[in-house]
mmCIF file of all heavy atoms, coordinates in Angstrom:
data_MODEL
# 
_entry.id   MODEL 
# 
loop_
_atom_site.group_PDB 
_atom_site.id 
_atom_site.type_symbol 
_atom_site.label_atom_id 
_atom_site.label_alt_id 
_atom_site.label_comp_id 
_atom_site.label_asym_id 
_atom_site.label_entity_id 
_atom_site.label_seq_id 
_atom_site.pdbx_PDB_ins_code 
_atom_site.Cartn_x 
_atom_site.Cartn_y 
_atom_site.Cartn_z 
_atom_site.occupancy 
_atom_site.B_iso_or_equiv 
_atom_site.pdbx_formal_charge 
_atom_site.auth_seq_id 
_atom_site.auth_comp_id 
_atom_site.auth_asym_id 
_atom_site.auth_atom_id 
_atom_site.pdbx_PDB_model_num 
ATOM 1   N N   . HIS A 1 1  ? 0.829   -1.207  0.000   1.00 0.00 ? 1  HIS A N   1 
ATOM 2   C CA  . HIS A 1 1  ? 0.000   0.000   0.000   1.00 0.00 ? 1  HIS A CA  1 
ATOM 3   C C   . HIS A 1 1  ? 0.862   1.255   0.000   1.00 0.00 ? 1  HIS A C   1 
ATOM 4   O O   . HIS A 1 1  ? 0.530   2.250   -0.655  1.00 0.00 ? 1  HIS A O   1 
ATOM 5   C CB  . HIS A 1 1  ? -0.970  0.007   1.179   1.00 0.00 ? 1  HIS A CB  1 
ATOM 6   C CG  . HIS A 1 1  ? -2.047  -1.028  1.037   1.00 0.00 ? 1  HIS A CG  1 
ATOM 7   N ND1 . HIS A 1 1  ? -3.007  -0.983  0.058   1.00 0.00 ? 1  HIS A ND1 1 
ATOM 8   C CD2 . HIS A 1 1  ? -2.292  -2.154  1.741   1.00 0.00 ? 1  HIS A CD2 1 
ATOM 9   C CE1 . HIS A 1 1  ? -3.799  -2.027  0.152   1.00 0.00 ? 1  HIS A CE1 1 
ATOM 10  N NE2 . HIS A 1 1  ? -3.389  -2.767  1.171   1.00 0.00 ? 1  HIS A NE2 1 
ATOM 11  N N   . SER A 1 2  ? 1.967   1.218   0.697   1.00 0.00 ? 2  SER A N   1 
ATOM 12  C CA  . SER A 1 2  ? 2.882   2.355   0.734   1.00 0.00 ? 2  SER A CA  1 
ATOM 13  C C   . SER A 1 2  ? 3.473   2.617   -0.653  1.00 0.00 ? 2  SER A C   1 
ATOM 14  O O   . SER A 1 2  ? 3.563   3.766   -1.087  1.00 0.00 ? 2  SER A O   1 
ATOM 15  C CB  . SER A 1 2  ? 4.000   2.085   1.743   1.00 0.00 ? 2  SER A CB  1 
ATOM 16  O OG  . SER A 1 2  ? 4.973   3.085   1.657   1.00 0.00 ? 2  SER A OG  1 
ATOM 17  N N   . SER A 1 3  ? 3.858   1.573   -1.349  1.00 0.00 ? 3  SER A N   1 
ATOM 18  C CA  . SER A 1 3  ? 4.471   1.741   -2.671  1.00 0.00 ? 3  SER A CA  1 
ATOM 19  C C   . SER A 1 3  ? 3.451   2.179   -3.713  1.00 0.00 ? 3  SER A C   1 
ATOM 20  O O   . SER A 1 3  ? 3.812   2.796   -4.706  1.00 0.00 ? 3  SER A O   1 
ATOM 21  C CB  . SER A 1 3  ? 5.154   0.460   -3.123  1.00 0.00 ? 3  SER A CB  1 
ATOM 22  O OG  . SER A 1 3  ? 4.196   -0.510  -3.480  1.00 0.00 ? 3  SER A OG  1 
ATOM 23  N N   . ARG A 1 4  ? 2.200   1.887   -3.492  1.00 0.00 ? 4  ARG A N   1 
ATOM 24  C CA  . ARG A 1 4  ? 1.150   2.247   -4.441  1.00 0.00 ? 4  ARG A CA  1 
ATOM 25  C C   . ARG A 1 4  ? 0.551   3.612   -4.150  1.00 0.00 ? 4  ARG A C   1 
ATOM 26  O O   . ARG A 1 4  ? -0.275  4.089   -4.913  1.00 0.00 ? 4  ARG A O   1 
ATOM 27  C CB  . ARG A 1 4  ? 0.024   1.212   -4.390  1.00 0.00 ? 4  ARG A CB  1 
ATOM 28  C CG  . ARG A 1 4  ? 0.466   -0.142  -4.902  1.00 0.00 ? 4  ARG A CG  1 
ATOM 29  C CD  . ARG A 1 4  ? -0.706  -1.040  -5.084  1.00 0.00 ? 4  ARG A CD  1 
ATOM 30  N NE  . ARG A 1 4  ? -1.570  -0.454  -6.105  1.00 0.00 ? 4  ARG A NE  1 
ATOM 31  C CZ  . ARG A 1 4  ? -2.871  -0.668  -6.168  1.00 0.00 ? 4  ARG A CZ  1 
ATOM 32  N NH1 . ARG A 1 4  ? -3.467  -1.414  -5.289  1.00 0.00 ? 4  ARG A NH1 1 
ATOM 33  N NH2 . ARG A 1 4  ? -3.594  -0.118  -7.112  1.00 0.00 ? 4  ARG A NH2 1 
ATOM 34  N N   . GLY A 1 5  ? 0.964   4.252   -3.086  1.00 0.00 ? 5  GLY A N   1 
ATOM 35  C CA  . GLY A 1 5  ? 0.371   5.501   -2.625  1.00 0.00 ? 5  GLY A CA  1 
ATOM 36  C C   . GLY A 1 5  ? -0.019  6.479   -3.703  1.00 0.00 ? 5  GLY A C   1 
ATOM 37  O O   . GLY A 1 5  ? -1.127  7.009   -3.706  1.00 0.00 ? 5  GLY A O   1 
ATOM 38  N N   . ALA A 1 6  ? 0.864   6.749   -4.653  1.00 0.00 ? 6  ALA A N   1 
ATOM 39  C CA  . ALA A 1 6  ? 0.584   7.744   -5.690  1.00 0.00 ? 6  ALA A CA  1 
ATOM 40  C C   . ALA A 1 6  ? -0.487  7.263   -6.672  1.00 0.00 ? 6  ALA A C   1 
ATOM 41  O O   . ALA A 1 6  ? -1.152  8.070   -7.297  1.00 0.00 ? 6  ALA A O   1 
ATOM 42  C CB  . ALA A 1 6  ? 1.863   8.078   -6.447  1.00 0.00 ? 6  ALA A CB  1 
ATOM 43  N N   . ASN A 1 7  ? -0.664  5.968   -6.798  1.00 0.00 ? 7  ASN A N   1 
ATOM 44  C CA  . ASN A 1 7  ? -1.613  5.437   -7.775  1.00 0.00 ? 7  ASN A CA  1 
ATOM 45  C C   . ASN A 1 7  ? -3.021  5.274   -7.229  1.00 0.00 ? 7  ASN A C   1 
ATOM 46  O O   . ASN A 1 7  ? -3.959  5.144   -7.986  1.00 0.00 ? 7  ASN A O   1 
ATOM 47  C CB  . ASN A 1 7  ? -1.130  4.072   -8.289  1.00 0.00 ? 7  ASN A CB  1 
ATOM 48  C CG  . ASN A 1 7  ? 0.167   4.194   -9.036  1.00 0.00 ? 7  ASN A CG  1 
ATOM 49  O OD1 . ASN A 1 7  ? 0.428   5.194   -9.679  1.00 0.00 ? 7  ASN A OD1 1 
ATOM 50  N ND2 . ASN A 1 7  ? 0.999   3.169   -8.938  1.00 0.00 ? 7  ASN A ND2 1 
ATOM 51  N N   . VAL A 1 8  ? -3.155  5.249   -5.919  1.00 0.00 ? 8  VAL A N   1 
ATOM 52  C CA  . VAL A 1 8  ? -4.467  5.024   -5.312  1.00 0.00 ? 8  VAL A CA  1 
ATOM 53  C C   . VAL A 1 8  ? -5.373  6.209   -5.610  1.00 0.00 ? 8  VAL A C   1 
ATOM 54  O O   . VAL A 1 8  ? -4.982  7.359   -5.491  1.00 0.00 ? 8  VAL A O   1 
ATOM 55  C CB  . VAL A 1 8  ? -4.330  4.800   -3.791  1.00 0.00 ? 8  VAL A CB  1 
ATOM 56  C CG1 . VAL A 1 8  ? -5.700  4.693   -3.140  1.00 0.00 ? 8  VAL A CG1 1 
ATOM 57  C CG2 . VAL A 1 8  ? -3.510  3.554   -3.516  1.00 0.00 ? 8  VAL A CG2 1 
ATOM 58  N N   . GLY A 1 9  ? -6.599  5.902   -6.020  1.00 0.00 ? 9  GLY A N   1 
ATOM 59  C CA  . GLY A 1 9  ? -7.571  6.962   -6.287  1.00 0.00 ? 9  GLY A CA  1 
ATOM 60  C C   . GLY A 1 9  ? -7.326  7.675   -7.600  1.00 0.00 ? 9  GLY A C   1 
ATOM 61  O O   . GLY A 1 9  ? -7.817  8.768   -7.803  1.00 0.00 ? 9  GLY A O   1 
ATOM 62  N N   . SER A 1 10 ? -6.601  7.074   -8.501  1.00 0.00 ? 10 SER A N   1 
ATOM 63  C CA  . SER A 1 10 ? -6.311  7.694   -9.789  1.00 0.00 ? 10 SER A CA  1 
ATOM 64  C C   . SER A 1 10 ? -7.608  7.945   -10.552 1.00 0.00 ? 10 SER A C   1 
ATOM 65  O O   . SER A 1 10 ? -8.553  7.173   -10.477 1.00 0.00 ? 10 SER A O   1 
ATOM 66  C CB  . SER A 1 10 ? -5.397  6.777   -10.600 1.00 0.00 ? 10 SER A CB  1 
ATOM 67  O OG  . SER A 1 10 ? -5.279  7.264   -11.922 1.00 0.00 ? 10 SER A OG  1 
ATOM 68  N N   . ASP A 1 11 ? -7.634  9.041   -11.295 1.00 0.00 ? 11 ASP A N   1 
ATOM 69  C CA  . ASP A 1 11 ? -8.789  9.359   -12.120 1.00 0.00 ? 11 ASP A CA  1 
ATOM 70  C C   . ASP A 1 11 ? -8.796  8.549   -13.417 1.00 0.00 ? 11 ASP A C   1 
ATOM 71  O O   . ASP A 1 11 ? -9.738  8.624   -14.183 1.00 0.00 ? 11 ASP A O   1 
ATOM 72  C CB  . ASP A 1 11 ? -8.805  10.849  -12.465 1.00 0.00 ? 11 ASP A CB  1 
ATOM 73  C CG  . ASP A 1 11 ? -9.122  11.709  -11.254 1.00 0.00 ? 11 ASP A CG  1 
ATOM 74  O OD1 . ASP A 1 11 ? -9.779  11.207  -10.322 1.00 0.00 ? 11 ASP A OD1 1 
ATOM 75  O OD2 . ASP A 1 11 ? -8.700  12.877  -11.235 1.00 0.00 ? 11 ASP A OD2 1 
ATOM 76  N N   . ASN A 1 12 ? -7.744  7.790   -13.663 1.00 0.00 ? 12 ASN A N   1 
ATOM 77  C CA  . ASN A 1 12 ? -7.632  6.982   -14.880 1.00 0.00 ? 12 ASN A CA  1 
ATOM 78  C C   . ASN A 1 12 ? -7.747  5.504   -14.528 1.00 0.00 ? 12 ASN A C   1 
ATOM 79  O O   . ASN A 1 12 ? -6.743  4.845   -14.277 1.00 0.00 ? 12 ASN A O   1 
ATOM 80  C CB  . ASN A 1 12 ? -6.295  7.248   -15.577 1.00 0.00 ? 12 ASN A CB  1 
ATOM 81  C CG  . ASN A 1 12 ? -6.144  8.695   -15.992 1.00 0.00 ? 12 ASN A CG  1 
ATOM 82  O OD1 . ASN A 1 12 ? -7.097  9.290   -16.463 1.00 0.00 ? 12 ASN A OD1 1 
ATOM 83  N ND2 . ASN A 1 12 ? -4.960  9.245   -15.808 1.00 0.00 ? 12 ASN A ND2 1 
ATOM 84  N N   . PRO A 1 13 ? -8.967  4.958   -14.531 1.00 0.00 ? 13 PRO A N   1 
ATOM 85  C CA  . PRO A 1 13 ? -9.119  3.539   -14.209 1.00 0.00 ? 13 PRO A CA  1 
ATOM 86  C C   . PRO A 1 13 ? -8.439  2.683   -15.277 1.00 0.00 ? 13 PRO A C   1 
ATOM 87  O O   . PRO A 1 13 ? -8.334  3.098   -16.437 1.00 0.00 ? 13 PRO A O   1 
ATOM 88  C CB  . PRO A 1 13 ? -10.629 3.320   -14.206 1.00 0.00 ? 13 PRO A CB  1 
ATOM 89  C CG  . PRO A 1 13 ? -11.180 4.429   -15.026 1.00 0.00 ? 13 PRO A CG  1 
ATOM 90  C CD  . PRO A 1 13 ? -10.224 5.586   -14.891 1.00 0.00 ? 13 PRO A CD  1 
ATOM 91  N N   . PRO A 1 14 ? -7.981  1.501   -14.915 1.00 0.00 ? 14 PRO A N   1 
ATOM 92  C CA  . PRO A 1 14 ? -7.304  0.641   -15.895 1.00 0.00 ? 14 PRO A CA  1 
ATOM 93  C C   . PRO A 1 14 ? -8.271  0.169   -16.974 1.00 0.00 ? 14 PRO A C   1 
ATOM 94  O O   . PRO A 1 14 ? -9.461  0.012   -16.737 1.00 0.00 ? 14 PRO A O   1 
ATOM 95  C CB  . PRO A 1 14 ? -6.816  -0.545  -15.050 1.00 0.00 ? 14 PRO A CB  1 
ATOM 96  C CG  . PRO A 1 14 ? -7.708  -0.546  -13.854 1.00 0.00 ? 14 PRO A CG  1 
ATOM 97  C CD  . PRO A 1 14 ? -8.089  0.883   -13.612 1.00 0.00 ? 14 PRO A CD  1 
ATOM 98  N N   . ASP A 1 15 ? -7.730  -0.042  -18.157 1.00 0.00 ? 15 ASP A N   1 
ATOM 99  C CA  . ASP A 1 15 ? -8.523  -0.557  -19.265 1.00 0.00 ? 15 ASP A CA  1 
ATOM 100 C C   . ASP A 1 15 ? -8.786  -2.035  -19.006 1.00 0.00 ? 15 ASP A C   1 
ATOM 101 O O   . ASP A 1 15 ? -7.861  -2.836  -18.935 1.00 0.00 ? 15 ASP A O   1 
ATOM 102 C CB  . ASP A 1 15 ? -7.771  -0.374  -20.572 1.00 0.00 ? 15 ASP A CB  1 
ATOM 103 C CG  . ASP A 1 15 ? -8.537  -0.902  -21.770 1.00 0.00 ? 15 ASP A CG  1 
ATOM 104 O OD1 . ASP A 1 15 ? -9.717  -1.296  -21.615 1.00 0.00 ? 15 ASP A OD1 1 
ATOM 105 O OD2 . ASP A 1 15 ? -7.953  -0.922  -22.867 1.00 0.00 ? 15 ASP A OD2 1 
ATOM 106 N N   . MET A 1 16 ? -10.036 -2.407  -18.850 1.00 0.00 ? 16 MET A N   1 
ATOM 107 C CA  . MET A 1 16 ? -10.397 -3.787  -18.566 1.00 0.00 ? 16 MET A CA  1 
ATOM 108 C C   . MET A 1 16 ? -10.711 -4.568  -19.848 1.00 0.00 ? 16 MET A C   1 
ATOM 109 O O   . MET A 1 16 ? -11.142 -5.709  -19.782 1.00 0.00 ? 16 MET A O   1 
ATOM 110 C CB  . MET A 1 16 ? -11.609 -3.827  -17.622 1.00 0.00 ? 16 MET A CB  1 
ATOM 111 C CG  . MET A 1 16 ? -11.358 -3.155  -16.283 1.00 0.00 ? 16 MET A CG  1 
ATOM 112 S SD  . MET A 1 16 ? -10.016 -3.899  -15.362 1.00 0.00 ? 16 MET A SD  1 
ATOM 113 C CE  . MET A 1 16 ? -10.807 -5.375  -14.795 1.00 0.00 ? 16 MET A CE  1 
ATOM 114 N N   . GLY A 1 17 ? -10.489 -3.955  -20.981 1.00 0.00 ? 17 GLY A N   1 
ATOM 115 C CA  . GLY A 1 17 ? -10.750 -4.640  -22.240 1.00 0.00 ? 17 GLY A CA  1 
ATOM 116 C C   . GLY A 1 17 ? -12.221 -4.594  -22.611 1.00 0.00 ? 17 GLY A C   1 
ATOM 117 O O   . GLY A 1 17 ? -13.046 -3.996  -21.923 1.00 0.00 ? 17 GLY A O   1 
ATOM 118 N N   . GLU A 1 18 ? -12.516 -5.224  -23.702 1.00 0.00 ? 18 GLU A N   1 
ATOM 119 C CA  . GLU A 1 18 ? -13.881 -5.250  -24.216 1.00 0.00 ? 18 GLU A CA  1 
ATOM 120 C C   . GLU A 1 18 ? -14.793 -6.030  -23.273 1.00 0.00 ? 18 GLU A C   1 
ATOM 121 O O   . GLU A 1 18 ? -14.431 -7.089  -22.779 1.00 0.00 ? 18 GLU A O   1 
ATOM 122 C CB  . GLU A 1 18 ? -13.873 -5.914  -25.593 1.00 0.00 ? 18 GLU A CB  1 
ATOM 123 C CG  . GLU A 1 18 ? -15.202 -5.944  -26.270 1.00 0.00 ? 18 GLU A CG  1 
ATOM 124 C CD  . GLU A 1 18 ? -15.146 -6.666  -27.616 1.00 0.00 ? 18 GLU A CD  1 
ATOM 125 O OE1 . GLU A 1 18 ? -14.060 -7.071  -28.037 1.00 0.00 ? 18 GLU A OE1 1 
ATOM 126 O OE2 . GLU A 1 18 ? -16.213 -6.817  -28.214 1.00 0.00 ? 18 GLU A OE2 1 
ATOM 127 N N   . ASP A 1 19 ? -15.974 -5.501  -23.049 1.00 0.00 ? 19 ASP A N   1 
ATOM 128 C CA  . ASP A 1 19 ? -16.960 -6.160  -22.195 1.00 0.00 ? 19 ASP A CA  1 
ATOM 129 C C   . ASP A 1 19 ? -17.829 -7.068  -23.060 1.00 0.00 ? 19 ASP A C   1 
ATOM 130 O O   . ASP A 1 19 ? -18.308 -6.659  -24.123 1.00 0.00 ? 19 ASP A O   1 
ATOM 131 C CB  . ASP A 1 19 ? -17.827 -5.103  -21.506 1.00 0.00 ? 19 ASP A CB  1 
ATOM 132 C CG  . ASP A 1 19 ? -18.757 -5.710  -20.470 1.00 0.00 ? 19 ASP A CG  1 
ATOM 133 O OD1 . ASP A 1 19 ? -18.443 -6.788  -19.938 1.00 0.00 ? 19 ASP A OD1 1 
ATOM 134 O OD2 . ASP A 1 19 ? -19.808 -5.095  -20.197 1.00 0.00 ? 19 ASP A OD2 1 
ATOM 135 N N   . PHE A 1 20 ? -17.961 -8.311  -22.636 1.00 0.00 ? 20 PHE A N   1 
ATOM 136 C CA  . PHE A 1 20 ? -18.844 -9.246  -23.330 1.00 0.00 ? 20 PHE A CA  1 
ATOM 137 C C   . PHE A 1 20 ? -19.345 -10.274 -22.330 1.00 0.00 ? 20 PHE A C   1 
ATOM 138 O O   . PHE A 1 20 ? -18.857 -10.370 -21.218 1.00 0.00 ? 20 PHE A O   1 
ATOM 139 C CB  . PHE A 1 20 ? -18.157 -9.907  -24.528 1.00 0.00 ? 20 PHE A CB  1 
ATOM 140 C CG  . PHE A 1 20 ? -16.932 -10.695 -24.177 1.00 0.00 ? 20 PHE A CG  1 
ATOM 141 C CD1 . PHE A 1 20 ? -17.012 -12.046 -23.888 1.00 0.00 ? 20 PHE A CD1 1 
ATOM 142 C CD2 . PHE A 1 20 ? -15.691 -10.084 -24.138 1.00 0.00 ? 20 PHE A CD2 1 
ATOM 143 C CE1 . PHE A 1 20 ? -15.876 -12.773 -23.559 1.00 0.00 ? 20 PHE A CE1 1 
ATOM 144 C CE2 . PHE A 1 20 ? -14.551 -10.801 -23.815 1.00 0.00 ? 20 PHE A CE2 1 
ATOM 145 C CZ  . PHE A 1 20 ? -14.645 -12.152 -23.528 1.00 0.00 ? 20 PHE A CZ  1 
ATOM 146 N N   . ASP A 1 21 ? -20.332 -11.041 -22.746 1.00 0.00 ? 21 ASP A N   1 
ATOM 147 C CA  . ASP A 1 21 ? -21.001 -11.986 -21.860 1.00 0.00 ? 21 ASP A CA  1 
ATOM 148 C C   . ASP A 1 21 ? -20.277 -13.333 -21.852 1.00 0.00 ? 21 ASP A C   1 
ATOM 149 O O   . ASP A 1 21 ? -20.362 -14.105 -22.803 1.00 0.00 ? 21 ASP A O   1 
ATOM 150 C CB  . ASP A 1 21 ? -22.452 -12.164 -22.312 1.00 0.00 ? 21 ASP A CB  1 
ATOM 151 C CG  . ASP A 1 21 ? -23.270 -13.031 -21.378 1.00 0.00 ? 21 ASP A CG  1 
ATOM 152 O OD1 . ASP A 1 21 ? -22.710 -13.552 -20.387 1.00 0.00 ? 21 ASP A OD1 1 
ATOM 153 O OD2 . ASP A 1 21 ? -24.483 -13.176 -21.634 1.00 0.00 ? 21 ASP A OD2 1 
ATOM 154 N N   . PHE A 1 22 ? -19.569 -13.617 -20.769 1.00 0.00 ? 22 PHE A N   1 
ATOM 155 C CA  . PHE A 1 22 ? -18.835 -14.877 -20.631 1.00 0.00 ? 22 PHE A CA  1 
ATOM 156 C C   . PHE A 1 22 ? -19.777 -16.073 -20.539 1.00 0.00 ? 22 PHE A C   1 
ATOM 157 O O   . PHE A 1 22 ? -19.356 -17.206 -20.721 1.00 0.00 ? 22 PHE A O   1 
ATOM 158 C CB  . PHE A 1 22 ? -17.952 -14.850 -19.373 1.00 0.00 ? 22 PHE A CB  1 
ATOM 159 C CG  . PHE A 1 22 ? -16.734 -13.989 -19.516 1.00 0.00 ? 22 PHE A CG  1 
ATOM 160 C CD1 . PHE A 1 22 ? -16.772 -12.652 -19.164 1.00 0.00 ? 22 PHE A CD1 1 
ATOM 161 C CD2 . PHE A 1 22 ? -15.555 -14.517 -19.991 1.00 0.00 ? 22 PHE A CD2 1 
ATOM 162 C CE1 . PHE A 1 22 ? -15.647 -11.851 -19.281 1.00 0.00 ? 22 PHE A CE1 1 
ATOM 163 C CE2 . PHE A 1 22 ? -14.420 -13.733 -20.119 1.00 0.00 ? 22 PHE A CE2 1 
ATOM 164 C CZ  . PHE A 1 22 ? -14.472 -12.395 -19.765 1.00 0.00 ? 22 PHE A CZ  1 
ATOM 165 N N   . ASP A 1 23 ? -21.024 -15.835 -20.231 1.00 0.00 ? 23 ASP A N   1 
ATOM 166 C CA  . ASP A 1 23 ? -22.002 -16.920 -20.098 1.00 0.00 ? 23 ASP A CA  1 
ATOM 167 C C   . ASP A 1 23 ? -22.736 -17.225 -21.405 1.00 0.00 ? 23 ASP A C   1 
ATOM 168 O O   . ASP A 1 23 ? -23.572 -18.113 -21.448 1.00 0.00 ? 23 ASP A O   1 
ATOM 169 C CB  . ASP A 1 23 ? -23.021 -16.589 -19.002 1.00 0.00 ? 23 ASP A CB  1 
ATOM 170 C CG  . ASP A 1 23 ? -22.366 -16.524 -17.632 1.00 0.00 ? 23 ASP A CG  1 
ATOM 171 O OD1 . ASP A 1 23 ? -21.473 -17.353 -17.364 1.00 0.00 ? 23 ASP A OD1 1 
ATOM 172 O OD2 . ASP A 1 23 ? -22.738 -15.641 -16.840 1.00 0.00 ? 23 ASP A OD2 1 
ATOM 173 N N   . ASP A 1 24 ? -22.414 -16.493 -22.451 1.00 0.00 ? 24 ASP A N   1 
ATOM 174 C CA  . ASP A 1 24 ? -23.031 -16.701 -23.755 1.00 0.00 ? 24 ASP A CA  1 
ATOM 175 C C   . ASP A 1 24 ? -22.178 -17.716 -24.528 1.00 0.00 ? 24 ASP A C   1 
ATOM 176 O O   . ASP A 1 24 ? -21.105 -17.397 -25.038 1.00 0.00 ? 24 ASP A O   1 
ATOM 177 C CB  . ASP A 1 24 ? -23.112 -15.372 -24.507 1.00 0.00 ? 24 ASP A CB  1 
ATOM 178 C CG  . ASP A 1 24 ? -23.758 -15.487 -25.876 1.00 0.00 ? 24 ASP A CG  1 
ATOM 179 O OD1 . ASP A 1 24 ? -23.779 -16.589 -26.461 1.00 0.00 ? 24 ASP A OD1 1 
ATOM 180 O OD2 . ASP A 1 24 ? -24.237 -14.454 -26.369 1.00 0.00 ? 24 ASP A OD2 1 
ATOM 181 N N   . ASN A 1 25 ? -22.664 -18.960 -24.605 1.00 0.00 ? 25 ASN A N   1 
ATOM 182 C CA  . ASN A 1 25 ? -21.893 -20.029 -25.250 1.00 0.00 ? 25 ASN A CA  1 
ATOM 183 C C   . ASN A 1 25 ? -21.554 -19.723 -26.703 1.00 0.00 ? 25 ASN A C   1 
ATOM 184 O O   . ASN A 1 25 ? -20.464 -20.057 -27.171 1.00 0.00 ? 25 ASN A O   1 
ATOM 185 C CB  . ASN A 1 25 ? -22.628 -21.357 -25.137 1.00 0.00 ? 25 ASN A CB  1 
ATOM 186 C CG  . ASN A 1 25 ? -22.625 -21.885 -23.716 1.00 0.00 ? 25 ASN A CG  1 
ATOM 187 O OD1 . ASN A 1 25 ? -21.936 -21.372 -22.833 1.00 0.00 ? 25 ASN A OD1 1 
ATOM 188 N ND2 . ASN A 1 25 ? -23.403 -22.917 -23.480 1.00 0.00 ? 25 ASN A ND2 1 
ATOM 189 N N   . ASP A 1 26 ? -22.471 -19.109 -27.431 1.00 0.00 ? 26 ASP A N   1 
ATOM 190 C CA  . ASP A 1 26 ? -22.198 -18.768 -28.829 1.00 0.00 ? 26 ASP A CA  1 
ATOM 191 C C   . ASP A 1 26 ? -21.057 -17.751 -28.915 1.00 0.00 ? 26 ASP A C   1 
ATOM 192 O O   . ASP A 1 26 ? -20.193 -17.850 -29.798 1.00 0.00 ? 26 ASP A O   1 
ATOM 193 C CB  . ASP A 1 26 ? -23.447 -18.226 -29.515 1.00 0.00 ? 26 ASP A CB  1 
ATOM 194 C CG  . ASP A 1 26 ? -24.500 -19.307 -29.728 1.00 0.00 ? 26 ASP A CG  1 
ATOM 195 O OD1 . ASP A 1 26 ? -24.120 -20.505 -29.797 1.00 0.00 ? 26 ASP A OD1 1 
ATOM 196 O OD2 . ASP A 1 26 ? -25.694 -18.957 -29.812 1.00 0.00 ? 26 ASP A OD2 1 
ATOM 197 N N   . GLU A 1 27 ? -21.065 -16.791 -28.006 1.00 0.00 ? 27 GLU A N   1 
ATOM 198 C CA  . GLU A 1 27 ? -19.995 -15.788 -27.974 1.00 0.00 ? 27 GLU A CA  1 
ATOM 199 C C   . GLU A 1 27 ? -18.650 -16.450 -27.652 1.00 0.00 ? 27 GLU A C   1 
ATOM 200 O O   . GLU A 1 27 ? -17.622 -16.124 -28.247 1.00 0.00 ? 27 GLU A O   1 
ATOM 201 C CB  . GLU A 1 27 ? -20.321 -14.701 -26.943 1.00 0.00 ? 27 GLU A CB  1 
ATOM 202 C CG  . GLU A 1 27 ? -19.312 -13.585 -26.873 1.00 0.00 ? 27 GLU A CG  1 
ATOM 203 C CD  . GLU A 1 27 ? -19.344 -12.669 -28.082 1.00 0.00 ? 27 GLU A CD  1 
ATOM 204 O OE1 . GLU A 1 27 ? -20.286 -12.744 -28.890 1.00 0.00 ? 27 GLU A OE1 1 
ATOM 205 O OE2 . GLU A 1 27 ? -18.412 -11.862 -28.221 1.00 0.00 ? 27 GLU A OE2 1 
ATOM 206 N N   . MET A 1 28 ? -18.664 -17.378 -26.731 1.00 0.00 ? 28 MET A N   1 
ATOM 207 C CA  . MET A 1 28 ? -17.425 -18.083 -26.371 1.00 0.00 ? 28 MET A CA  1 
ATOM 208 C C   . MET A 1 28 ? -16.924 -18.930 -27.540 1.00 0.00 ? 28 MET A C   1 
ATOM 209 O O   . MET A 1 28 ? -15.724 -18.979 -27.801 1.00 0.00 ? 28 MET A O   1 
ATOM 210 C CB  . MET A 1 28 ? -17.638 -18.973 -25.148 1.00 0.00 ? 28 MET A CB  1 
ATOM 211 C CG  . MET A 1 28 ? -17.863 -18.205 -23.857 1.00 0.00 ? 28 MET A CG  1 
ATOM 212 S SD  . MET A 1 28 ? -16.434 -17.198 -23.376 1.00 0.00 ? 28 MET A SD  1 
ATOM 213 C CE  . MET A 1 28 ? -16.865 -15.610 -24.050 1.00 0.00 ? 28 MET A CE  1 
ATOM 214 N N   . ARG A 1 29 ? -17.826 -19.568 -28.255 1.00 0.00 ? 29 ARG A N   1 
ATOM 215 C CA  . ARG A 1 29 ? -17.425 -20.349 -29.431 1.00 0.00 ? 29 ARG A CA  1 
ATOM 216 C C   . ARG A 1 29 ? -16.811 -19.455 -30.498 1.00 0.00 ? 29 ARG A C   1 
ATOM 217 O O   . ARG A 1 29 ? -15.866 -19.849 -31.184 1.00 0.00 ? 29 ARG A O   1 
ATOM 218 C CB  . ARG A 1 29 ? -18.615 -21.115 -30.001 1.00 0.00 ? 29 ARG A CB  1 
ATOM 219 C CG  . ARG A 1 29 ? -19.006 -22.312 -29.162 1.00 0.00 ? 29 ARG A CG  1 
ATOM 220 C CD  . ARG A 1 29 ? -20.155 -23.104 -29.806 1.00 0.00 ? 29 ARG A CD  1 
ATOM 221 N NE  . ARG A 1 29 ? -20.525 -24.225 -28.972 1.00 0.00 ? 29 ARG A NE  1 
ATOM 222 C CZ  . ARG A 1 29 ? -21.478 -24.190 -28.042 1.00 0.00 ? 29 ARG A CZ  1 
ATOM 223 N NH1 . ARG A 1 29 ? -22.186 -23.090 -27.856 1.00 0.00 ? 29 ARG A NH1 1 
ATOM 224 N NH2 . ARG A 1 29 ? -21.726 -25.259 -27.322 1.00 0.00 ? 29 ARG A NH2 1 
ATOM 225 N N   . ARG A 1 30 ? -17.354 -18.264 -30.652 1.00 0.00 ? 30 ARG A N   1 
ATOM 226 C CA  . ARG A 1 30 ? -16.820 -17.320 -31.642 1.00 0.00 ? 30 ARG A CA  1 
ATOM 227 C C   . ARG A 1 30 ? -15.441 -16.813 -31.219 1.00 0.00 ? 30 ARG A C   1 
ATOM 228 O O   . ARG A 1 30 ? -14.523 -16.749 -32.023 1.00 0.00 ? 30 ARG A O   1 
ATOM 229 C CB  . ARG A 1 30 ? -17.788 -16.136 -31.814 1.00 0.00 ? 30 ARG A CB  1 
ATOM 230 C CG  . ARG A 1 30 ? -17.379 -15.175 -32.931 1.00 0.00 ? 30 ARG A CG  1 
ATOM 231 C CD  . ARG A 1 30 ? -18.361 -14.033 -33.077 1.00 0.00 ? 30 ARG A CD  1 
ATOM 232 N NE  . ARG A 1 30 ? -18.346 -13.098 -31.970 1.00 0.00 ? 30 ARG A NE  1 
ATOM 233 C CZ  . ARG A 1 30 ? -17.390 -12.195 -31.759 1.00 0.00 ? 30 ARG A CZ  1 
ATOM 234 N NH1 . ARG A 1 30 ? -16.346 -12.126 -32.550 1.00 0.00 ? 30 ARG A NH1 1 
ATOM 235 N NH2 . ARG A 1 30 ? -17.470 -11.359 -30.744 1.00 0.00 ? 30 ARG A NH2 1 
ATOM 236 N N   . ARG A 1 31 ? -15.286 -16.469 -29.949 1.00 0.00 ? 31 ARG A N   1 
ATOM 237 C CA  . ARG A 1 31 ? -14.032 -15.892 -29.467 1.00 0.00 ? 31 ARG A CA  1 
ATOM 238 C C   . ARG A 1 31 ? -12.940 -16.932 -29.223 1.00 0.00 ? 31 ARG A C   1 
ATOM 239 O O   . ARG A 1 31 ? -11.762 -16.625 -29.331 1.00 0.00 ? 31 ARG A O   1 
ATOM 240 C CB  . ARG A 1 31 ? -14.279 -15.119 -28.175 1.00 0.00 ? 31 ARG A CB  1 
ATOM 241 C CG  . ARG A 1 31 ? -15.060 -13.843 -28.382 1.00 0.00 ? 31 ARG A CG  1 
ATOM 242 C CD  . ARG A 1 31 ? -15.322 -13.156 -27.051 1.00 0.00 ? 31 ARG A CD  1 
ATOM 243 N NE  . ARG A 1 31 ? -16.024 -11.919 -27.244 1.00 0.00 ? 31 ARG A NE  1 
ATOM 244 C CZ  . ARG A 1 31 ? -15.447 -10.745 -27.452 1.00 0.00 ? 31 ARG A CZ  1 
ATOM 245 N NH1 . ARG A 1 31 ? -14.136 -10.643 -27.470 1.00 0.00 ? 31 ARG A NH1 1 
ATOM 246 N NH2 . ARG A 1 31 ? -16.169 -9.661  -27.618 1.00 0.00 ? 31 ARG A NH2 1 
# 
């Protein structure tokens, strides 16, 4: 936590990638 001090509460959230439905079997077959 001490080493991360400057990064905590950043206004730039990390890019979590494209959002899609992991429970959609057809989508999983495509990806």
